[in-house]
């Protein structure tokens, strides 16, 4: 009986951790497509592609909406943003606004960035 109870407790702990991780991981899952261009955690070397991390939430939402609506043109952003609804754009803006700001430009002065 003790083995059964211990097994149930371990299972409960794993399920609880999975549910909690799912709530926190949702914005991260949304940003999987962003990582290729904007880097991990929204930071990339200085250059043409911006680092969205730490930008004001309202600015990010307005920019993402403008890409979606076509009032702001970008090489690929218009096509990507067309697939997202307002709630998703708000989640992306919220997520990136909470990350530490800055670019990785200072890390690339003496060597090529990867």
PDB file of N, CA and C in Angstrom:
ATOM      1  N   UNK A   1       0.821  -1.187   0.000  1.00  0.00           N
ATOM      2  CA  UNK A   1       0.000   0.000   0.000  1.00  0.00           C
ATOM      3  C   UNK A   1       0.873   1.262   0.000  1.00  0.00           C
ATOM      4  N   UNK A   2       1.958   1.215   0.781  1.00  0.00           N
ATOM      5  CA  UNK A   2       2.848   2.370   0.865  1.00  0.00           C
ATOM      6  C   UNK A   2       3.458   2.692  -0.497  1.00  0.00           C
ATOM      7  N   UNK A   3       3.819   1.672  -1.260  1.00  0.00           N
ATOM      8  CA  UNK A   3       4.399   1.853  -2.589  1.00  0.00           C
ATOM      9  C   UNK A   3       3.395   2.535  -3.516  1.00  0.00           C
ATOM     10  N   UNK A   4       2.139   2.155  -3.421  1.00  0.00           N
ATOM     11  CA  UNK A   4       1.090   2.751  -4.252  1.00  0.00           C
ATOM     12  C   UNK A   4       0.931   4.226  -3.911  1.00  0.00           C
ATOM     13  N   UNK A   5       0.889   4.556  -2.635  1.00  0.00           N
ATOM     14  CA  UNK A   5       0.730   5.940  -2.206  1.00  0.00           C
ATOM     15  C   UNK A   5       1.940   6.772  -2.647  1.00  0.00           C
ATOM     16  N   UNK A   6       3.138   6.241  -2.472  1.00  0.00           N
ATOM     17  CA  UNK A   6       4.338   6.967  -2.899  1.00  0.00           C
ATOM     18  C   UNK A   6       4.324   7.191  -4.410  1.00  0.00           C
ATOM     19  N   UNK A   7       3.913   6.194  -5.166  1.00  0.00           N
ATOM     20  CA  UNK A   7       3.842   6.330  -6.623  1.00  0.00           C
ATOM     21  C   UNK A   7       2.836   7.407  -7.020  1.00  0.00           C
ATOM     22  N   UNK A   8       1.709   7.434  -6.343  1.00  0.00           N
ATOM     23  CA  UNK A   8       0.691   8.453  -6.616  1.00  0.00           C
ATOM     24  C   UNK A   8       1.209   9.856  -6.291  1.00  0.00           C
ATOM     25  N   UNK A   9       1.932   9.986  -5.188  1.00  0.00           N
ATOM     26  CA  UNK A   9       2.477  11.288  -4.797  1.00  0.00           C
ATOM     27  C   UNK A   9       3.500  11.778  -5.823  1.00  0.00           C
ATOM     28  N   UNK A  10       4.368  10.897  -6.280  1.00  0.00           N
ATOM     29  CA  UNK A  10       5.360  11.269  -7.293  1.00  0.00           C
ATOM     30  C   UNK A  10       4.642  11.690  -8.573  1.00  0.00           C
ATOM     31  N   UNK A  11       3.636  10.931  -8.967  1.00  0.00           N
ATOM     32  CA  UNK A  11       2.860  11.284 -10.159  1.00  0.00           C
ATOM     33  C   UNK A  11       2.187  12.635 -10.018  1.00  0.00           C
ATOM     34  N   UNK A  12       1.626  12.916  -8.850  1.00  0.00           N
ATOM     35  CA  UNK A  12       0.979  14.199  -8.599  1.00  0.00           C
ATOM     36  C   UNK A  12       1.976  15.342  -8.695  1.00  0.00           C
ATOM     37  N   UNK A  13       3.156  15.148  -8.149  1.00  0.00           N
ATOM     38  CA  UNK A  13       4.192  16.180  -8.247  1.00  0.00           C
ATOM     39  C   UNK A  13       4.582  16.447  -9.695  1.00  0.00           C
ATOM     40  N   UNK A  14       4.711  15.402 -10.486  1.00  0.00           N
ATOM     41  CA  UNK A  14       5.076  15.574 -11.892  1.00  0.00           C
ATOM     42  C   UNK A  14       3.981  16.284 -12.671  1.00  0.00           C
ATOM     43  N   UNK A  15       2.730  15.946 -12.416  1.00  0.00           N
ATOM     44  CA  UNK A  15       1.613  16.596 -13.098  1.00  0.00           C
ATOM     45  C   UNK A  15       1.538  18.063 -12.705  1.00  0.00           C
ATOM     46  N   UNK A  16       1.683  18.360 -11.417  1.00  0.00           N
ATOM     47  CA  UNK A  16       1.635  19.749 -10.945  1.00  0.00           C
ATOM     48  C   UNK A  16       2.752  20.564 -11.567  1.00  0.00           C
ATOM     49  N   UNK A  17       3.952  20.032 -11.625  1.00  0.00           N
ATOM     50  CA  UNK A  17       5.075  20.748 -12.239  1.00  0.00           C
ATOM     51  C   UNK A  17       4.820  20.970 -13.720  1.00  0.00           C
ATOM     52  N   UNK A  18       4.214  19.995 -14.390  1.00  0.00           N
ATOM     53  CA  UNK A  18       3.914  20.143 -15.808  1.00  0.00           C
ATOM     54  C   UNK A  18       2.884  21.217 -16.074  1.00  0.00           C
ATOM     55  N   UNK A  19       1.860  21.295 -15.250  1.00  0.00           N
ATOM     56  CA  UNK A  19       0.833  22.318 -15.410  1.00  0.00           C
ATOM     57  C   UNK A  19       1.424  23.695 -15.160  1.00  0.00           C
ATOM     58  N   UNK A  20       2.196  23.839 -14.106  1.00  0.00           N
ATOM     59  CA  UNK A  20       2.812  25.131 -13.811  1.00  0.00           C
ATOM     60  C   UNK A  20       3.771  25.526 -14.921  1.00  0.00           C
ATOM     61  N   UNK A  21       4.555  24.604 -15.400  1.00  0.00           N
ATOM     62  CA  UNK A  21       5.491  24.897 -16.480  1.00  0.00           C
ATOM     63  C   UNK A  21       4.778  25.253 -17.765  1.00  0.00           C
ATOM     64  N   UNK A  22       3.607  24.639 -18.007  1.00  0.00           N
ATOM     65  CA  UNK A  22       2.840  24.938 -19.204  1.00  0.00           C
ATOM     66  C   UNK A  22       2.374  26.382 -19.222  1.00  0.00           C
ATOM     67  N   UNK A  23       1.941  26.889 -18.083  1.00  0.00           N
ATOM     68  CA  UNK A  23       1.494  28.276 -18.030  1.00  0.00           C
ATOM     69  C   UNK A  23       2.642  29.228 -18.305  1.00  0.00           C
ATOM     70  N   UNK A  24       3.801  28.949 -17.774  1.00  0.00           N
ATOM     71  CA  UNK A  24       4.946  29.819 -17.966  1.00  0.00           C
ATOM     72  C   UNK A  24       5.556  29.620 -19.338  1.00  0.00           C
ATOM     73  N   UNK A  25       5.422  28.445 -19.901  1.00  0.00           N
ATOM     74  CA  UNK A  25       6.060  28.145 -21.163  1.00  0.00           C
ATOM     75  C   UNK A  25       5.282  28.613 -22.376  1.00  0.00           C
ATOM     76  N   UNK A  26       4.010  28.962 -22.220  1.00  0.00           N
ATOM     77  CA  UNK A  26       3.201  29.343 -23.368  1.00  0.00           C
ATOM     78  C   UNK A  26       3.802  30.515 -24.147  1.00  0.00           C
ATOM     79  N   UNK A  27       4.171  31.633 -23.503  1.00  0.00           N
ATOM     80  CA  UNK A  27       4.783  32.717 -24.271  1.00  0.00           C
ATOM     81  C   UNK A  27       6.081  32.276 -24.954  1.00  0.00           C
ATOM     82  N   UNK A  28       6.843  31.441 -24.296  1.00  0.00           N
ATOM     83  CA  UNK A  28       8.074  30.951 -24.894  1.00  0.00           C
ATOM     84  C   UNK A  28       7.763  30.139 -26.144  1.00  0.00           C
ATOM     85  N   UNK A  29       6.716  29.325 -26.095  1.00  0.00           N
ATOM     86  CA  UNK A  29       6.332  28.547 -27.268  1.00  0.00           C
ATOM     87  C   UNK A  29       5.903  29.474 -28.405  1.00  0.00           C
ATOM     88  N   UNK A  30       5.218  30.565 -28.080  1.00  0.00           N
ATOM     89  CA  UNK A  30       4.802  31.519 -29.106  1.00  0.00           C
ATOM     90  C   UNK A  30       6.004  32.147 -29.800  1.00  0.00           C
ATOM     91  N   UNK A  31       7.096  32.319 -29.079  1.00  0.00           N
ATOM     92  CA  UNK A  31       8.254  33.012 -29.637  1.00  0.00           C
ATOM     93  C   UNK A  31       9.206  32.092 -30.397  1.00  0.00           C
ATOM     94  N   UNK A  32       8.894  30.821 -30.496  1.00  0.00           N
ATOM     95  CA  UNK A  32       9.800  29.907 -31.208  1.00  0.00           C
ATOM     96  C   UNK A  32      10.095  30.389 -32.624  1.00  0.00           C
ATOM     97  N   UNK A  33       9.108  30.915 -33.325  1.00  0.00           N
ATOM     98  CA  UNK A  33       9.324  31.419 -34.675  1.00  0.00           C
ATOM     99  C   UNK A  33      10.112  32.713 -34.700  1.00  0.00           C
ATOM    100  N   UNK A  34      10.148  33.433 -33.607  1.00  0.00           N
ATOM    101  CA  UNK A  34      10.839  34.729 -33.535  1.00  0.00           C
ATOM    102  C   UNK A  34      12.344  34.565 -33.325  1.00  0.00           C
ATOM    103  N   UNK A  35      12.720  33.458 -32.722  1.00  0.00           N
ATOM    104  CA  UNK A  35      14.111  33.229 -32.317  1.00  0.00           C
ATOM    105  C   UNK A  35      15.065  33.280 -33.507  1.00  0.00           C
ATOM    106  N   UNK A  36      14.648  32.756 -34.649  1.00  0.00           N
ATOM    107  CA  UNK A  36      15.540  32.708 -35.807  1.00  0.00           C
ATOM    108  C   UNK A  36      16.073  34.082 -36.194  1.00  0.00           C
ATOM    109  N   UNK A  37      15.225  35.087 -36.144  1.00  0.00           N
ATOM    110  CA  UNK A  37      15.651  36.434 -36.553  1.00  0.00           C
ATOM    111  C   UNK A  37      16.000  37.333 -35.369  1.00  0.00           C
ATOM    112  N   UNK A  38      15.215  37.252 -34.308  1.00  0.00           N
ATOM    113  CA  UNK A  38      15.363  38.182 -33.187  1.00  0.00           C
ATOM    114  C   UNK A  38      16.199  37.628 -32.036  1.00  0.00           C
ATOM    115  N   UNK A  39      16.673  36.408 -32.153  1.00  0.00           N
ATOM    116  CA  UNK A  39      17.554  35.828 -31.151  1.00  0.00           C
ATOM    117  C   UNK A  39      16.820  35.310 -29.929  1.00  0.00           C
ATOM    118  N   UNK A  40      17.535  34.552 -29.135  1.00  0.00           N
ATOM    119  CA  UNK A  40      16.979  34.036 -27.893  1.00  0.00           C
ATOM    120  C   UNK A  40      16.703  35.196 -26.956  1.00  0.00           C
ATOM    121  N   UNK A  41      15.581  35.152 -26.316  1.00  0.00           N
ATOM    122  CA  UNK A  41      15.146  36.182 -25.373  1.00  0.00           C
ATOM    123  C   UNK A  41      15.122  37.567 -26.009  1.00  0.00           C
ATOM    124  N   UNK A  42      14.900  37.632 -27.327  1.00  0.00           N
ATOM    125  CA  UNK A  42      14.699  38.894 -28.012  1.00  0.00           C
ATOM    126  C   UNK A  42      15.912  39.778 -28.122  1.00  0.00           C
ATOM    127  N   UNK A  43      17.081  39.230 -27.961  1.00  0.00           N
ATOM    128  CA  UNK A  43      18.303  40.019 -28.057  1.00  0.00           C
ATOM    129  C   UNK A  43      19.174  39.467 -29.178  1.00  0.00           C
ATOM    130  N   UNK A  44      19.662  40.391 -30.006  1.00  0.00           N
ATOM    131  CA  UNK A  44      20.557  39.989 -31.079  1.00  0.00           C
ATOM    132  C   UNK A  44      21.599  41.071 -31.303  1.00  0.00           C
ATOM    133  N   UNK A  45      22.616  40.754 -32.081  1.00  0.00           N
ATOM    134  CA  UNK A  45      23.648  41.768 -32.334  1.00  0.00           C
ATOM    135  C   UNK A  45      23.056  43.012 -32.999  1.00  0.00           C
ATOM    136  N   UNK A  46      23.683  44.148 -32.782  1.00  0.00           N
ATOM    137  CA  UNK A  46      23.230  45.382 -33.410  1.00  0.00           C
ATOM    138  C   UNK A  46      23.203  45.199 -34.919  1.00  0.00           C
ATOM    139  N   UNK A  47      22.224  45.789 -35.556  1.00  0.00           N
ATOM    140  CA  UNK A  47      22.112  45.675 -37.001  1.00  0.00           C
ATOM    141  C   UNK A  47      20.717  46.001 -37.468  1.00  0.00           C
ATOM    142  N   UNK A  48      20.357  45.448 -38.601  1.00  0.00           N
ATOM    143  CA  UNK A  48      19.085  45.754 -39.233  1.00  0.00           C
ATOM    144  C   UNK A  48      17.899  45.180 -38.457  1.00  0.00           C
ATOM    145  N   UNK A  49      18.029  43.959 -37.958  1.00  0.00           N
ATOM    146  CA  UNK A  49      16.926  43.308 -37.240  1.00  0.00           C
ATOM    147  C   UNK A  49      16.968  43.760 -35.786  1.00  0.00           C
ATOM    148  N   UNK A  50      15.873  44.334 -35.288  1.00  0.00           N
ATOM    149  CA  UNK A  50      15.878  44.865 -33.926  1.00  0.00           C
ATOM    150  C   UNK A  50      15.796  43.792 -32.848  1.00  0.00           C
ATOM    151  N   UNK A  51      16.196  44.191 -31.653  1.00  0.00           N
ATOM    152  CA  UNK A  51      16.038  43.366 -30.457  1.00  0.00           C
ATOM    153  C   UNK A  51      14.782  43.850 -29.739  1.00  0.00           C
ATOM    154  N   UNK A  52      13.718  43.057 -29.723  1.00  0.00           N
ATOM    155  CA  UNK A  52      12.478  43.515 -29.087  1.00  0.00           C
ATOM    156  C   UNK A  52      12.504  43.473 -27.554  1.00  0.00           C
ATOM    157  N   UNK A  53      13.450  42.779 -26.973  1.00  0.00           N
ATOM    158  CA  UNK A  53      13.490  42.627 -25.510  1.00  0.00           C
ATOM    159  C   UNK A  53      13.575  43.983 -24.824  1.00  0.00           C
ATOM    160  N   UNK A  54      12.692  44.178 -23.851  1.00  0.00           N
ATOM    161  CA  UNK A  54      12.720  45.381 -23.030  1.00  0.00           C
ATOM    162  C   UNK A  54      12.060  46.595 -23.649  1.00  0.00           C
ATOM    163  N   UNK A  55      11.522  46.460 -24.856  1.00  0.00           N
ATOM    164  CA  UNK A  55      10.802  47.574 -25.471  1.00  0.00           C
ATOM    165  C   UNK A  55       9.451  47.748 -24.757  1.00  0.00           C
ATOM    166  N   UNK A  56       8.894  48.952 -24.770  1.00  0.00           N
ATOM    167  CA  UNK A  56       7.593  49.153 -24.119  1.00  0.00           C
ATOM    168  C   UNK A  56       6.514  48.263 -24.745  1.00  0.00           C
ATOM    169  N   UNK A  57       5.691  47.697 -23.897  1.00  0.00           N
ATOM    170  CA  UNK A  57       4.654  46.768 -24.348  1.00  0.00           C
ATOM    171  C   UNK A  57       3.728  47.409 -25.380  1.00  0.00           C
ATOM    172  N   UNK A  58       3.300  48.648 -25.131  1.00  0.00           N
ATOM    173  CA  UNK A  58       2.390  49.328 -26.059  1.00  0.00           C
ATOM    174  C   UNK A  58       3.051  49.515 -27.423  1.00  0.00           C
ATOM    175  N   UNK A  59       4.324  49.867 -27.430  1.00  0.00           N
ATOM    176  CA  UNK A  59       5.064  50.033 -28.683  1.00  0.00           C
ATOM    177  C   UNK A  59       5.136  48.708 -29.444  1.00  0.00           C
ATOM    178  N   UNK A  60       5.465  47.628 -28.747  1.00  0.00           N
ATOM    179  CA  UNK A  60       5.572  46.327 -29.392  1.00  0.00           C
ATOM    180  C   UNK A  60       4.229  45.895 -29.976  1.00  0.00           C
ATOM    181  N   UNK A  61       3.167  46.065 -29.214  1.00  0.00           N
ATOM    182  CA  UNK A  61       1.839  45.676 -29.700  1.00  0.00           C
ATOM    183  C   UNK A  61       1.455  46.495 -30.928  1.00  0.00           C
ATOM    184  N   UNK A  62       1.695  47.801 -30.867  1.00  0.00           N
ATOM    185  CA  UNK A  62       1.362  48.678 -31.995  1.00  0.00           C
ATOM    186  C   UNK A  62       2.164  48.276 -33.237  1.00  0.00           C
ATOM    187  N   UNK A  63       3.430  47.963 -33.060  1.00  0.00           N
ATOM    188  CA  UNK A  63       4.284  47.566 -34.171  1.00  0.00           C
ATOM    189  C   UNK A  63       3.836  46.237 -34.763  1.00  0.00           C
ATOM    190  N   UNK A  64       3.570  45.256 -33.917  1.00  0.00           N
ATOM    191  CA  UNK A  64       3.128  43.947 -34.401  1.00  0.00           C
ATOM    192  C   UNK A  64       1.794  44.059 -35.133  1.00  0.00           C
ATOM    193  N   UNK A  65       0.886  44.873 -34.607  1.00  0.00           N
ATOM    194  CA  UNK A  65      -0.418  45.087 -35.243  1.00  0.00           C
ATOM    195  C   UNK A  65      -0.240  45.764 -36.600  1.00  0.00           C
ATOM    196  N   UNK A  66       0.667  46.727 -36.670  1.00  0.00           N
ATOM    197  CA  UNK A  66       0.920  47.419 -37.938  1.00  0.00           C
ATOM    198  C   UNK A  66       1.481  46.455 -38.987  1.00  0.00           C
ATOM    199  N   UNK A  67       2.339  45.545 -38.578  1.00  0.00           N
ATOM    200  CA  UNK A  67       2.830  44.523 -39.506  1.00  0.00           C
ATOM    201  C   UNK A  67       1.668  43.650 -39.978  1.00  0.00           C
ATOM    202  N   UNK A  68       0.831  43.248 -39.048  1.00  0.00           N
ATOM    203  CA  UNK A  68      -0.293  42.384 -39.406  1.00  0.00           C
ATOM    204  C   UNK A  68      -1.252  43.076 -40.366  1.00  0.00           C
ATOM    205  N   UNK A  69      -1.528  44.355 -40.111  1.00  0.00           N
ATOM    206  CA  UNK A  69      -2.481  45.095 -40.930  1.00  0.00           C
ATOM    207  C   UNK A  69      -1.887  45.617 -42.231  1.00  0.00           C
ATOM    208  N   UNK A  70      -0.567  45.548 -42.367  1.00  0.00           N
ATOM    209  CA  UNK A  70       0.088  46.001 -43.580  1.00  0.00           C
ATOM    210  C   UNK A  70       0.424  47.482 -43.607  1.00  0.00           C
ATOM    211  N   UNK A  71       0.191  48.202 -42.497  1.00  0.00           N
ATOM    212  CA  UNK A  71       0.533  49.621 -42.457  1.00  0.00           C
ATOM    213  C   UNK A  71       2.022  49.836 -42.198  1.00  0.00           C
ATOM    214  N   UNK A  72       2.711  48.801 -41.790  1.00  0.00           N
ATOM    215  CA  UNK A  72       4.157  48.805 -41.640  1.00  0.00           C
ATOM    216  C   UNK A  72       4.663  47.603 -42.424  1.00  0.00           C
ATOM    217  N   UNK A  73       5.618  47.835 -43.299  1.00  0.00           N
ATOM    218  CA  UNK A  73       6.090  46.738 -44.136  1.00  0.00           C
ATOM    219  C   UNK A  73       7.454  46.244 -43.682  1.00  0.00           C
ATOM    220  N   UNK A  74       7.584  44.934 -43.656  1.00  0.00           N
ATOM    221  CA  UNK A  74       8.830  44.281 -43.306  1.00  0.00           C
ATOM    222  C   UNK A  74       9.035  43.098 -44.232  1.00  0.00           C
ATOM    223  N   UNK A  75      10.240  42.622 -44.340  1.00  0.00           N
ATOM    224  CA  UNK A  75      10.527  41.565 -45.306  1.00  0.00           C
ATOM    225  C   UNK A  75       9.690  40.310 -45.086  1.00  0.00           C
ATOM    226  N   UNK A  76       9.556  39.890 -43.854  1.00  0.00           N
ATOM    227  CA  UNK A  76       8.800  38.668 -43.578  1.00  0.00           C
ATOM    228  C   UNK A  76       7.745  38.880 -42.488  1.00  0.00           C
ATOM    229  N   UNK A  77       7.879  39.957 -41.754  1.00  0.00           N
ATOM    230  CA  UNK A  77       6.997  40.194 -40.612  1.00  0.00           C
ATOM    231  C   UNK A  77       5.526  40.287 -41.013  1.00  0.00           C
ATOM    232  N   UNK A  78       5.213  40.862 -42.155  1.00  0.00           N
ATOM    233  CA  UNK A  78       3.825  40.969 -42.577  1.00  0.00           C
ATOM    234  C   UNK A  78       3.196  39.585 -42.758  1.00  0.00           C
ATOM    235  N   UNK A  79       3.927  38.694 -43.389  1.00  0.00           N
ATOM    236  CA  UNK A  79       3.397  37.344 -43.603  1.00  0.00           C
ATOM    237  C   UNK A  79       3.235  36.588 -42.298  1.00  0.00           C
ATOM    238  N   UNK A  80       4.169  36.760 -41.396  1.00  0.00           N
ATOM    239  CA  UNK A  80       4.100  36.037 -40.126  1.00  0.00           C
ATOM    240  C   UNK A  80       2.972  36.574 -39.256  1.00  0.00           C
ATOM    241  N   UNK A  81       2.872  37.871 -39.130  1.00  0.00           N
ATOM    242  CA  UNK A  81       1.886  38.485 -38.230  1.00  0.00           C
ATOM    243  C   UNK A  81       0.456  38.285 -38.691  1.00  0.00           C
ATOM    244  N   UNK A  82       0.228  38.081 -39.995  1.00  0.00           N
ATOM    245  CA  UNK A  82      -1.133  37.838 -40.496  1.00  0.00           C
ATOM    246  C   UNK A  82      -1.790  36.645 -39.825  1.00  0.00           C
ATOM    247  N   UNK A  83      -0.996  35.722 -39.344  1.00  0.00           N
ATOM    248  CA  UNK A  83      -1.517  34.489 -38.746  1.00  0.00           C
ATOM    249  C   UNK A  83      -1.944  34.658 -37.286  1.00  0.00           C
ATOM    250  N   UNK A  84      -1.614  35.796 -36.670  1.00  0.00           N
ATOM    251  CA  UNK A  84      -1.866  35.968 -35.248  1.00  0.00           C
ATOM    252  C   UNK A  84      -3.057  36.883 -34.975  1.00  0.00           C
ATOM    253  N   UNK A  85      -3.843  36.518 -33.948  1.00  0.00           N
ATOM    254  CA  UNK A  85      -4.954  37.371 -33.529  1.00  0.00           C
ATOM    255  C   UNK A  85      -4.465  38.385 -32.496  1.00  0.00           C
ATOM    256  N   UNK A  86      -5.367  39.291 -32.089  1.00  0.00           N
ATOM    257  CA  UNK A  86      -4.993  40.339 -31.133  1.00  0.00           C
ATOM    258  C   UNK A  86      -4.459  39.780 -29.821  1.00  0.00           C
ATOM    259  N   UNK A  87      -5.103  38.736 -29.317  1.00  0.00           N
ATOM    260  CA  UNK A  87      -4.668  38.164 -28.045  1.00  0.00           C
ATOM    261  C   UNK A  87      -3.222  37.666 -28.141  1.00  0.00           C
ATOM    262  N   UNK A  88      -2.874  37.005 -29.223  1.00  0.00           N
ATOM    263  CA  UNK A  88      -1.516  36.494 -29.391  1.00  0.00           C
ATOM    264  C   UNK A  88      -0.518  37.639 -29.514  1.00  0.00           C
ATOM    265  N   UNK A  89      -0.878  38.700 -30.248  1.00  0.00           N
ATOM    266  CA  UNK A  89       0.018  39.853 -30.373  1.00  0.00           C
ATOM    267  C   UNK A  89       0.231  40.512 -29.019  1.00  0.00           C
ATOM    268  N   UNK A  90      -0.822  40.569 -28.224  1.00  0.00           N
ATOM    269  CA  UNK A  90      -0.680  41.136 -26.872  1.00  0.00           C
ATOM    270  C   UNK A  90       0.233  40.266 -26.003  1.00  0.00           C
ATOM    271  N   UNK A  91       0.104  38.953 -26.132  1.00  0.00           N
ATOM    272  CA  UNK A  91       0.971  38.046 -25.369  1.00  0.00           C
ATOM    273  C   UNK A  91       2.432  38.217 -25.782  1.00  0.00           C
ATOM    274  N   UNK A  92       2.679  38.315 -27.074  1.00  0.00           N
ATOM    275  CA  UNK A  92       4.048  38.513 -27.550  1.00  0.00           C
ATOM    276  C   UNK A  92       4.614  39.834 -27.043  1.00  0.00           C
ATOM    277  N   UNK A  93       3.816  40.895 -27.145  1.00  0.00           N
ATOM    278  CA  UNK A  93       4.270  42.214 -26.688  1.00  0.00           C
ATOM    279  C   UNK A  93       4.558  42.187 -25.189  1.00  0.00           C
ATOM    280  N   UNK A  94       3.691  41.556 -24.428  1.00  0.00           N
ATOM    281  CA  UNK A  94       3.875  41.469 -22.977  1.00  0.00           C
ATOM    282  C   UNK A  94       5.150  40.687 -22.651  1.00  0.00           C
ATOM    283  N   UNK A  95       5.318  39.554 -23.308  1.00  0.00           N
ATOM    284  CA  UNK A  95       6.479  38.701 -23.049  1.00  0.00           C
ATOM    285  C   UNK A  95       7.788  39.443 -23.333  1.00  0.00           C
ATOM    286  N   UNK A  96       7.901  40.023 -24.507  1.00  0.00           N
ATOM    287  CA  UNK A  96       9.150  40.696 -24.875  1.00  0.00           C
ATOM    288  C   UNK A  96       9.400  41.951 -24.053  1.00  0.00           C
ATOM    289  N   UNK A  97       8.349  42.644 -23.644  1.00  0.00           N
ATOM    290  CA  UNK A  97       8.543  43.861 -22.842  1.00  0.00           C
ATOM    291  C   UNK A  97       9.109  43.543 -21.464  1.00  0.00           C
ATOM    292  N   UNK A  98       8.903  42.338 -20.981  1.00  0.00           N
ATOM    293  CA  UNK A  98       9.374  41.941 -19.651  1.00  0.00           C
ATOM    294  C   UNK A  98      10.815  41.416 -19.649  1.00  0.00           C
ATOM    295  N   UNK A  99      11.368  41.171 -20.817  1.00  0.00           N
ATOM    296  CA  UNK A  99      12.742  40.659 -20.900  1.00  0.00           C
ATOM    297  C   UNK A  99      13.742  41.800 -20.746  1.00  0.00           C
ATOM    298  N   UNK A 100      14.944  41.502 -20.283  1.00  0.00           N
ATOM    299  CA  UNK A 100      15.978  42.545 -20.175  1.00  0.00           C
ATOM    300  C   UNK A 100      16.287  43.134 -21.548  1.00  0.00           C
ATOM    301  N   UNK A 101      16.435  44.452 -21.612  1.00  0.00           N
ATOM    302  CA  UNK A 101      16.678  45.105 -22.890  1.00  0.00           C
ATOM    303  C   UNK A 101      18.154  45.085 -23.258  1.00  0.00           C
ATOM    304  N   UNK A 102      18.420  45.459 -24.479  1.00  0.00           N
ATOM    305  CA  UNK A 102      19.792  45.554 -24.959  1.00  0.00           C
ATOM    306  C   UNK A 102      20.017  44.654 -26.140  1.00  0.00           C
ATOM    307  N   UNK A 103      21.096  44.918 -26.847  1.00  0.00           N
ATOM    308  CA  UNK A 103      21.467  44.050 -27.958  1.00  0.00           C
ATOM    309  C   UNK A 103      22.783  43.376 -27.609  1.00  0.00           C
ATOM    310  N   UNK A 104      23.133  42.445 -28.404  1.00  0.00           N
ATOM    311  CA  UNK A 104      24.367  41.700 -28.168  1.00  0.00           C
ATOM    312  C   UNK A 104      25.538  42.299 -28.942  1.00  0.00           C
ATOM    313  N   UNK A 105      25.381  43.518 -29.429  1.00  0.00           N
ATOM    314  CA  UNK A 105      26.395  44.157 -30.268  1.00  0.00           C
ATOM    315  C   UNK A 105      27.758  44.220 -29.623  1.00  0.00           C
ATOM    316  N   UNK A 106      27.835  44.483 -28.326  1.00  0.00           N
ATOM    317  CA  UNK A 106      29.134  44.610 -27.669  1.00  0.00           C
ATOM    318  C   UNK A 106      29.876  43.281 -27.611  1.00  0.00           C
ATOM    319  N   UNK A 107      29.170  42.175 -27.726  1.00  0.00           N
ATOM    320  CA  UNK A 107      29.807  40.861 -27.697  1.00  0.00           C
ATOM    321  C   UNK A 107      30.422  40.484 -29.044  1.00  0.00           C
ATOM    322  N   UNK A 108      30.197  41.289 -30.072  1.00  0.00           N
ATOM    323  CA  UNK A 108      30.601  40.903 -31.419  1.00  0.00           C
ATOM    324  C   UNK A 108      31.663  41.830 -32.007  1.00  0.00           C
ATOM    325  N   UNK A 109      32.266  42.678 -31.230  1.00  0.00           N
ATOM    326  CA  UNK A 109      33.222  43.647 -31.753  1.00  0.00           C
ATOM    327  C   UNK A 109      34.492  42.983 -32.275  1.00  0.00           C
ATOM    328  N   UNK A 110      35.004  42.007 -31.582  1.00  0.00           N
ATOM    329  CA  UNK A 110      36.287  41.425 -31.935  1.00  0.00           C
ATOM    330  C   UNK A 110      36.193  40.099 -32.686  1.00  0.00           C
ATOM    331  N   UNK A 111      34.998  39.572 -32.814  1.00  0.00           N
ATOM    332  CA  UNK A 111      34.839  38.282 -33.469  1.00  0.00           C
ATOM    333  C   UNK A 111      33.489  38.252 -34.176  1.00  0.00           C
ATOM    334  N   UNK A 112      33.345  37.436 -35.204  1.00  0.00           N
ATOM    335  CA  UNK A 112      32.053  37.336 -35.883  1.00  0.00           C
ATOM    336  C   UNK A 112      30.980  36.802 -34.938  1.00  0.00           C
ATOM    337  N   UNK A 113      29.803  37.359 -35.033  1.00  0.00           N
ATOM    338  CA  UNK A 113      28.674  36.878 -34.223  1.00  0.00           C
ATOM    339  C   UNK A 113      28.121  35.612 -34.847  1.00  0.00           C
ATOM    340  N   UNK A 114      27.643  34.731 -33.986  1.00  0.00           N
ATOM    341  CA  UNK A 114      27.047  33.477 -34.453  1.00  0.00           C
ATOM    342  C   UNK A 114      25.629  33.390 -34.016  1.00  0.00           C
TER     343      UNK A 114
END
